[in-house]
Amino acid sequence: MNQNDILLIEDNPDDVELTRIAFAEAGVDRQMVVVRDGAEALDYLFARGRHAGREGADLPAIVLLDLNLPKVDGREVLQAIRGDARTRALPVVVLTTSDEPFDVEATYALGVNSYIRKPVDFEQFVAVVKQIGLYWLVLNHPRIAS
């Protein structure tokens, strides 16, 4: 993975496939790495466990994070990302089915960059993912981590 890649943290195989399709339809030519639970996400980002051979300083351009994950939930993943100097500046977009005000407030309090509720309609989902790709991977100028 490098600064041009996308890390998708998502346990629903249908949502993974929809996200891949949406980025392809949007013309976003980036490699997408998918991890299926919060524990694997943290292992991946911090180059430990089964991802120990990965270069830990090689971070993605963006993390798309579901909140309701097995093993370690998305809030805990976000807290770990923001709590470590190596990943603190990493753009994280929550992409979830929850529209609970508590989830929105809690994730912003933990430092999420954006909170987006997944549309259930396929065309709307594709449109949302296209917008994420356009903004975060084309228009946005990322912060340079020190």
N, C-alpha and C. Protein backbone atom coordinates (compact mmCIF):
# COMPACT_ATOMS: atom_id res chain seq x y z
N MET A 1 0.85 -1.17 0.00
CA MET A 1 0.00 0.00 0.00
C MET A 1 0.89 1.22 0.00
N ASN A 2 0.43 2.26 -0.67
CA ASN A 2 1.16 3.52 -0.61
C ASN A 2 0.18 4.67 -0.50
N GLN A 3 0.69 5.87 -0.49
CA GLN A 3 -0.13 7.06 -0.27
C GLN A 3 -1.25 7.22 -1.30
N ASN A 4 -1.25 6.43 -2.33
CA ASN A 4 -2.30 6.53 -3.35
C ASN A 4 -3.41 5.52 -3.15
N ASP A 5 -3.26 4.64 -2.17
CA ASP A 5 -4.19 3.55 -2.00
C ASP A 5 -5.29 3.87 -1.00
N ILE A 6 -6.30 3.00 -1.02
CA ILE A 6 -7.47 3.13 -0.16
C ILE A 6 -7.49 1.92 0.78
N LEU A 7 -7.70 2.16 2.05
CA LEU A 7 -7.91 1.07 3.00
C LEU A 7 -9.38 1.05 3.34
N LEU A 8 -10.07 -0.01 2.98
CA LEU A 8 -11.48 -0.19 3.28
C LEU A 8 -11.59 -1.18 4.43
N ILE A 9 -12.18 -0.73 5.53
CA ILE A 9 -12.39 -1.58 6.71
C ILE A 9 -13.88 -1.86 6.76
N GLU A 10 -14.25 -3.03 6.27
CA GLU A 10 -15.66 -3.37 6.06
C GLU A 10 -15.85 -4.87 6.16
N ASP A 11 -16.83 -5.31 6.95
CA ASP A 11 -17.07 -6.74 7.12
C ASP A 11 -18.17 -7.28 6.22
N ASN A 12 -18.93 -6.41 5.57
CA ASN A 12 -20.03 -6.87 4.70
C ASN A 12 -19.51 -7.05 3.28
N PRO A 13 -19.47 -8.29 2.77
CA PRO A 13 -18.93 -8.53 1.43
C PRO A 13 -19.69 -7.78 0.33
N ASP A 14 -21.00 -7.60 0.50
CA ASP A 14 -21.77 -6.86 -0.50
C ASP A 14 -21.34 -5.39 -0.55
N ASP A 15 -21.11 -4.79 0.61
CA ASP A 15 -20.67 -3.40 0.65
C ASP A 15 -19.25 -3.25 0.10
N VAL A 16 -18.41 -4.25 0.33
CA VAL A 16 -17.06 -4.23 -0.25
C VAL A 16 -17.17 -4.20 -1.77
N GLU A 17 -17.98 -5.08 -2.32
CA GLU A 17 -18.12 -5.14 -3.78
C GLU A 17 -18.74 -3.87 -4.34
N LEU A 18 -19.77 -3.35 -3.68
CA LEU A 18 -20.37 -2.10 -4.13
C LEU A 18 -19.36 -0.95 -4.11
N THR A 19 -18.52 -0.92 -3.10
CA THR A 19 -17.51 0.14 -3.01
C THR A 19 -16.50 0.01 -4.14
N ARG A 20 -16.08 -1.21 -4.42
CA ARG A 20 -15.15 -1.43 -5.55
C ARG A 20 -15.78 -0.97 -6.87
N ILE A 21 -17.02 -1.35 -7.09
CA ILE A 21 -17.73 -0.98 -8.32
C ILE A 21 -17.84 0.54 -8.42
N ALA A 22 -18.21 1.17 -7.31
CA ALA A 22 -18.41 2.62 -7.32
C ALA A 22 -17.11 3.35 -7.63
N PHE A 23 -16.00 2.93 -7.04
CA PHE A 23 -14.73 3.58 -7.34
C PHE A 23 -14.33 3.34 -8.79
N ALA A 24 -14.58 2.13 -9.30
CA ALA A 24 -14.27 1.85 -10.70
C ALA A 24 -15.12 2.73 -11.63
N GLU A 25 -16.42 2.85 -11.34
CA GLU A 25 -17.31 3.68 -12.16
C GLU A 25 -16.93 5.15 -12.07
N ALA A 26 -16.34 5.55 -10.95
CA ALA A 26 -15.93 6.94 -10.78
C ALA A 26 -14.59 7.21 -11.46
N GLY A 27 -13.96 6.16 -11.95
CA GLY A 27 -12.67 6.32 -12.60
C GLY A 27 -11.53 6.54 -11.62
N VAL A 28 -11.73 6.14 -10.36
CA VAL A 28 -10.69 6.27 -9.35
C VAL A 28 -9.77 5.07 -9.48
N ASP A 29 -8.58 5.33 -9.99
CA ASP A 29 -7.63 4.26 -10.28
C ASP A 29 -6.67 4.09 -9.10
N ARG A 30 -7.17 3.53 -8.05
CA ARG A 30 -6.38 3.31 -6.84
C ARG A 30 -6.53 1.85 -6.40
N GLN A 31 -5.49 1.32 -5.83
CA GLN A 31 -5.59 -0.01 -5.26
C GLN A 31 -6.41 0.09 -3.98
N MET A 32 -7.29 -0.89 -3.79
CA MET A 32 -8.08 -0.93 -2.56
C MET A 32 -7.69 -2.18 -1.77
N VAL A 33 -7.25 -1.94 -0.56
CA VAL A 33 -6.94 -3.02 0.36
C VAL A 33 -8.14 -3.14 1.29
N VAL A 34 -8.64 -4.36 1.46
CA VAL A 34 -9.82 -4.59 2.29
C VAL A 34 -9.42 -5.43 3.50
N VAL A 35 -9.82 -4.97 4.68
CA VAL A 35 -9.71 -5.78 5.89
C VAL A 35 -11.11 -5.92 6.46
N ARG A 36 -11.39 -7.05 7.07
CA ARG A 36 -12.77 -7.43 7.41
C ARG A 36 -13.16 -7.21 8.86
N ASP A 37 -12.21 -6.82 9.72
CA ASP A 37 -12.57 -6.55 11.11
C ASP A 37 -11.60 -5.53 11.69
N GLY A 38 -11.97 -4.98 12.83
CA GLY A 38 -11.17 -3.93 13.44
C GLY A 38 -9.80 -4.38 13.91
N ALA A 39 -9.71 -5.60 14.38
CA ALA A 39 -8.40 -6.10 14.83
C ALA A 39 -7.43 -6.20 13.66
N GLU A 40 -7.90 -6.72 12.54
CA GLU A 40 -7.03 -6.81 11.37
C GLU A 40 -6.68 -5.42 10.85
N ALA A 41 -7.61 -4.48 10.93
CA ALA A 41 -7.33 -3.10 10.50
C ALA A 41 -6.17 -2.52 11.30
N LEU A 42 -6.20 -2.70 12.60
CA LEU A 42 -5.12 -2.17 13.44
C LEU A 42 -3.81 -2.90 13.17
N ASP A 43 -3.88 -4.21 12.98
CA ASP A 43 -2.67 -4.96 12.62
C ASP A 43 -2.09 -4.45 11.31
N TYR A 44 -2.97 -4.18 10.35
CA TYR A 44 -2.52 -3.69 9.06
C TYR A 44 -1.87 -2.30 9.20
N LEU A 45 -2.57 -1.39 9.82
CA LEU A 45 -2.06 -0.01 9.93
C LEU A 45 -0.76 0.08 10.71
N PHE A 46 -0.63 -0.75 11.75
CA PHE A 46 0.55 -0.68 12.60
C PHE A 46 1.57 -1.78 12.30
N ALA A 47 1.38 -2.47 11.16
CA ALA A 47 2.33 -3.49 10.67
C ALA A 47 2.71 -4.49 11.76
N ARG A 48 1.69 -5.16 12.27
CA ARG A 48 1.91 -6.16 13.31
C ARG A 48 1.07 -7.39 13.00
N GLY A 49 1.20 -8.43 13.81
CA GLY A 49 0.45 -9.66 13.57
C GLY A 49 0.77 -10.22 12.20
N ARG A 50 -0.26 -10.64 11.47
CA ARG A 50 0.00 -11.23 10.15
C ARG A 50 0.43 -10.20 9.11
N HIS A 51 0.40 -8.92 9.47
CA HIS A 51 0.86 -7.85 8.58
C HIS A 51 2.22 -7.29 9.03
N ALA A 52 2.92 -8.04 9.87
CA ALA A 52 4.19 -7.57 10.43
C ALA A 52 5.25 -7.34 9.35
N GLY A 53 5.15 -7.98 8.21
CA GLY A 53 6.14 -7.81 7.15
C GLY A 53 5.90 -6.56 6.30
N ARG A 54 4.79 -5.90 6.50
CA ARG A 54 4.45 -4.71 5.74
C ARG A 54 5.24 -3.51 6.26
N GLU A 55 5.58 -2.59 5.38
CA GLU A 55 6.27 -1.36 5.79
C GLU A 55 5.27 -0.47 6.54
N GLY A 56 5.45 -0.29 7.83
CA GLY A 56 4.52 0.44 8.66
C GLY A 56 4.37 1.91 8.31
N ALA A 57 5.40 2.51 7.74
CA ALA A 57 5.33 3.93 7.38
C ALA A 57 4.57 4.15 6.07
N ASP A 58 4.27 3.09 5.36
CA ASP A 58 3.58 3.17 4.08
C ASP A 58 2.07 3.15 4.33
N LEU A 59 1.48 4.34 4.50
CA LEU A 59 0.08 4.45 4.87
C LEU A 59 -0.80 4.76 3.67
N PRO A 60 -2.09 4.45 3.77
CA PRO A 60 -3.01 4.73 2.65
C PRO A 60 -3.30 6.23 2.52
N ALA A 61 -3.88 6.58 1.38
CA ALA A 61 -4.32 7.96 1.16
C ALA A 61 -5.54 8.26 2.01
N ILE A 62 -6.37 7.24 2.22
CA ILE A 62 -7.62 7.40 2.97
C ILE A 62 -8.04 6.07 3.58
N VAL A 63 -8.71 6.15 4.71
CA VAL A 63 -9.31 4.98 5.35
C VAL A 63 -10.82 5.17 5.31
N LEU A 64 -11.52 4.19 4.76
CA LEU A 64 -12.98 4.14 4.80
C LEU A 64 -13.34 3.14 5.88
N LEU A 65 -14.01 3.60 6.91
CA LEU A 65 -14.21 2.83 8.13
C LEU A 65 -15.67 2.60 8.43
N ASP A 66 -16.06 1.33 8.51
CA ASP A 66 -17.39 0.98 9.01
C ASP A 66 -17.32 1.02 10.54
N LEU A 67 -18.43 1.33 11.19
CA LEU A 67 -18.43 1.39 12.65
C LEU A 67 -18.69 0.03 13.29
N ASN A 68 -19.60 -0.71 12.72
CA ASN A 68 -20.03 -1.98 13.32
C ASN A 68 -19.20 -3.12 12.76
N LEU A 69 -18.06 -3.33 13.40
CA LEU A 69 -17.11 -4.35 12.95
C LEU A 69 -16.95 -5.44 14.00
N PRO A 70 -16.63 -6.65 13.56
CA PRO A 70 -16.31 -7.70 14.53
C PRO A 70 -14.95 -7.46 15.19
N LYS A 71 -14.75 -8.08 16.32
CA LYS A 71 -13.52 -8.09 17.11
C LYS A 71 -13.24 -6.74 17.77
N VAL A 72 -12.95 -5.71 16.99
CA VAL A 72 -12.71 -4.37 17.52
C VAL A 72 -13.61 -3.44 16.71
N ASP A 73 -14.49 -2.69 17.37
CA ASP A 73 -15.43 -1.88 16.59
C ASP A 73 -14.75 -0.64 16.01
N GLY A 74 -15.45 0.00 15.10
CA GLY A 74 -14.88 1.13 14.36
C GLY A 74 -14.48 2.30 15.24
N ARG A 75 -15.21 2.52 16.32
CA ARG A 75 -14.86 3.62 17.22
C ARG A 75 -13.50 3.39 17.87
N GLU A 76 -13.26 2.14 18.26
CA GLU A 76 -11.97 1.79 18.86
C GLU A 76 -10.84 1.89 17.83
N VAL A 77 -11.13 1.51 16.59
CA VAL A 77 -10.14 1.64 15.52
C VAL A 77 -9.79 3.11 15.33
N LEU A 78 -10.81 3.96 15.26
CA LEU A 78 -10.59 5.39 15.09
C LEU A 78 -9.79 5.96 16.25
N GLN A 79 -10.13 5.55 17.45
CA GLN A 79 -9.41 6.03 18.64
C GLN A 79 -7.93 5.64 18.57
N ALA A 80 -7.64 4.42 18.12
CA ALA A 80 -6.25 3.97 18.00
C ALA A 80 -5.52 4.74 16.91
N ILE A 81 -6.20 5.01 15.80
CA ILE A 81 -5.58 5.78 14.71
C ILE A 81 -5.22 7.18 15.20
N ARG A 82 -6.16 7.83 15.85
CA ARG A 82 -5.92 9.20 16.32
C ARG A 82 -4.96 9.25 17.51
N GLY A 83 -4.82 8.14 18.22
CA GLY A 83 -3.96 8.11 19.40
C GLY A 83 -2.50 7.81 19.11
N ASP A 84 -2.16 7.57 17.86
CA ASP A 84 -0.78 7.23 17.51
C ASP A 84 -0.23 8.29 16.56
N ALA A 85 0.94 8.81 16.87
CA ALA A 85 1.54 9.88 16.06
C ALA A 85 1.74 9.46 14.60
N ARG A 86 1.98 8.17 14.35
CA ARG A 86 2.21 7.70 12.98
C ARG A 86 0.98 7.81 12.10
N THR A 87 -0.21 7.70 12.70
CA THR A 87 -1.45 7.66 11.92
C THR A 87 -2.39 8.81 12.23
N ARG A 88 -2.03 9.68 13.12
CA ARG A 88 -2.91 10.75 13.58
C ARG A 88 -3.47 11.61 12.45
N ALA A 89 -2.66 11.91 11.43
CA ALA A 89 -3.08 12.79 10.34
C ALA A 89 -3.78 12.04 9.20
N LEU A 90 -3.90 10.74 9.31
CA LEU A 90 -4.50 9.92 8.26
C LEU A 90 -5.98 10.28 8.07
N PRO A 91 -6.41 10.62 6.86
CA PRO A 91 -7.83 10.92 6.65
C PRO A 91 -8.69 9.67 6.86
N VAL A 92 -9.68 9.80 7.73
CA VAL A 92 -10.59 8.70 8.03
C VAL A 92 -12.02 9.17 7.76
N VAL A 93 -12.71 8.41 6.91
CA VAL A 93 -14.11 8.68 6.61
C VAL A 93 -14.92 7.50 7.12
N VAL A 94 -15.84 7.77 8.04
CA VAL A 94 -16.75 6.72 8.49
C VAL A 94 -17.82 6.57 7.41
N LEU A 95 -18.00 5.35 6.96
CA LEU A 95 -19.01 4.99 5.97
C LEU A 95 -19.80 3.85 6.60
N THR A 96 -21.00 4.17 7.11
CA THR A 96 -21.73 3.22 7.94
C THR A 96 -23.23 3.31 7.69
N THR A 97 -23.96 2.32 8.17
CA THR A 97 -25.41 2.33 8.06
C THR A 97 -26.07 3.11 9.20
N SER A 98 -25.31 3.39 10.25
CA SER A 98 -25.88 4.05 11.42
C SER A 98 -26.08 5.55 11.19
N ASP A 99 -27.26 6.03 11.53
CA ASP A 99 -27.48 7.48 11.55
C ASP A 99 -27.85 7.93 12.97
N GLU A 100 -27.44 7.13 13.95
CA GLU A 100 -27.68 7.46 15.35
C GLU A 100 -26.88 8.70 15.73
N PRO A 101 -27.54 9.70 16.31
CA PRO A 101 -26.82 10.92 16.71
C PRO A 101 -25.62 10.63 17.62
N PHE A 102 -25.74 9.61 18.49
CA PHE A 102 -24.62 9.27 19.36
C PHE A 102 -23.41 8.85 18.54
N ASP A 103 -23.60 8.02 17.52
CA ASP A 103 -22.48 7.57 16.68
C ASP A 103 -21.82 8.74 15.96
N VAL A 104 -22.64 9.63 15.43
CA VAL A 104 -22.11 10.80 14.72
C VAL A 104 -21.27 11.63 15.68
N GLU A 105 -21.83 11.98 16.83
CA GLU A 105 -21.11 12.83 17.80
C GLU A 105 -19.87 12.14 18.34
N ALA A 106 -19.99 10.84 18.66
CA ALA A 106 -18.86 10.12 19.23
C ALA A 106 -17.69 10.04 18.26
N THR A 107 -17.97 9.80 16.98
CA THR A 107 -16.87 9.67 16.02
C THR A 107 -16.23 11.03 15.74
N TYR A 108 -17.03 12.09 15.68
CA TYR A 108 -16.41 13.42 15.51
C TYR A 108 -15.58 13.78 16.74
N ALA A 109 -16.04 13.40 17.92
CA ALA A 109 -15.27 13.66 19.14
C ALA A 109 -13.94 12.91 19.12
N LEU A 110 -13.91 11.76 18.44
CA LEU A 110 -12.68 10.97 18.33
C LEU A 110 -11.79 11.45 17.19
N GLY A 111 -12.27 12.38 16.38
CA GLY A 111 -11.41 12.95 15.35
C GLY A 111 -11.63 12.46 13.93
N VAL A 112 -12.80 11.91 13.64
CA VAL A 112 -13.06 11.48 12.26
C VAL A 112 -13.09 12.71 11.35
N ASN A 113 -12.67 12.54 10.11
CA ASN A 113 -12.69 13.65 9.15
C ASN A 113 -14.06 13.86 8.54
N SER A 114 -14.82 12.78 8.37
CA SER A 114 -16.14 12.87 7.76
C SER A 114 -16.96 11.67 8.18
N TYR A 115 -18.27 11.88 8.29
CA TYR A 115 -19.20 10.82 8.67
C TYR A 115 -20.28 10.75 7.61
N ILE A 116 -20.37 9.61 6.93
CA ILE A 116 -21.33 9.44 5.84
C ILE A 116 -22.16 8.18 6.09
N ARG A 117 -23.47 8.36 6.02
CA ARG A 117 -24.37 7.22 6.14
C ARG A 117 -24.47 6.56 4.77
N LYS A 118 -24.31 5.23 4.74
CA LYS A 118 -24.39 4.48 3.49
C LYS A 118 -25.84 4.49 2.98
N PRO A 119 -26.05 4.96 1.76
CA PRO A 119 -27.39 4.85 1.18
C PRO A 119 -27.70 3.38 0.89
N VAL A 120 -28.98 3.01 0.97
CA VAL A 120 -29.36 1.63 0.67
C VAL A 120 -29.58 1.43 -0.83
N ASP A 121 -29.89 2.48 -1.54
CA ASP A 121 -30.09 2.42 -2.98
C ASP A 121 -28.73 2.35 -3.68
N PHE A 122 -28.59 1.42 -4.64
CA PHE A 122 -27.31 1.20 -5.32
C PHE A 122 -26.81 2.46 -6.01
N GLU A 123 -27.66 3.13 -6.79
CA GLU A 123 -27.22 4.33 -7.52
C GLU A 123 -26.77 5.42 -6.55
N GLN A 124 -27.48 5.58 -5.47
CA GLN A 124 -27.10 6.58 -4.47
C GLN A 124 -25.78 6.20 -3.80
N PHE A 125 -25.61 4.90 -3.53
CA PHE A 125 -24.37 4.44 -2.91
C PHE A 125 -23.19 4.74 -3.84
N VAL A 126 -23.35 4.43 -5.12
CA VAL A 126 -22.29 4.70 -6.10
C VAL A 126 -22.00 6.19 -6.15
N ALA A 127 -23.03 7.01 -6.15
CA ALA A 127 -22.83 8.46 -6.20
C ALA A 127 -22.07 8.96 -4.97
N VAL A 128 -22.39 8.44 -3.80
CA VAL A 128 -21.71 8.84 -2.57
C VAL A 128 -20.24 8.44 -2.63
N VAL A 129 -19.96 7.21 -3.03
CA VAL A 129 -18.57 6.76 -3.09
C VAL A 129 -17.78 7.55 -4.14
N LYS A 130 -18.42 7.89 -5.25
CA LYS A 130 -17.75 8.73 -6.26
C LYS A 130 -17.36 10.07 -5.64
N GLN A 131 -18.27 10.66 -4.87
CA GLN A 131 -17.99 11.95 -4.23
C GLN A 131 -16.85 11.83 -3.22
N ILE A 132 -16.83 10.75 -2.47
CA ILE A 132 -15.73 10.51 -1.52
C ILE A 132 -14.41 10.46 -2.29
N GLY A 133 -14.39 9.69 -3.37
CA GLY A 133 -13.17 9.57 -4.16
C GLY A 133 -12.74 10.90 -4.74
N LEU A 134 -13.69 11.65 -5.29
CA LEU A 134 -13.36 12.94 -5.89
C LEU A 134 -12.78 13.90 -4.84
N TYR A 135 -13.46 14.00 -3.71
CA TYR A 135 -13.00 14.96 -2.71
C TYR A 135 -11.68 14.53 -2.07
N TRP A 136 -11.66 13.33 -1.49
CA TRP A 136 -10.51 12.92 -0.67
C TRP A 136 -9.29 12.51 -1.48
N LEU A 137 -9.50 12.03 -2.71
CA LEU A 137 -8.36 11.53 -3.48
C LEU A 137 -7.94 12.46 -4.61
N VAL A 138 -8.77 13.45 -4.96
CA VAL A 138 -8.42 14.35 -6.05
C VAL A 138 -8.32 15.79 -5.55
N LEU A 139 -9.37 16.30 -4.93
CA LEU A 139 -9.42 17.72 -4.55
C LEU A 139 -8.69 18.05 -3.25
N ASN A 140 -8.78 17.19 -2.27
CA ASN A 140 -8.21 17.46 -0.95
C ASN A 140 -6.68 17.45 -1.00
N HIS A 141 -6.08 18.40 -0.31
CA HIS A 141 -4.62 18.41 -0.11
C HIS A 141 -4.36 17.88 1.28
N PRO A 142 -3.82 16.66 1.38
CA PRO A 142 -3.64 16.06 2.71
C PRO A 142 -2.58 16.78 3.54
N ARG A 143 -2.76 16.68 4.82
CA ARG A 143 -1.81 17.23 5.77
C ARG A 143 -0.54 16.39 5.71
N ILE A 144 0.58 17.02 5.76
CA ILE A 144 1.85 16.32 5.74
C ILE A 144 2.16 15.92 7.18
N ALA A 145 2.26 14.61 7.41
CA ALA A 145 2.55 14.11 8.76
C ALA A 145 4.00 14.45 9.11
N SER A 146 4.21 14.87 10.34
CA SER A 146 5.57 15.24 10.75
C SER A 146 6.25 14.10 11.47
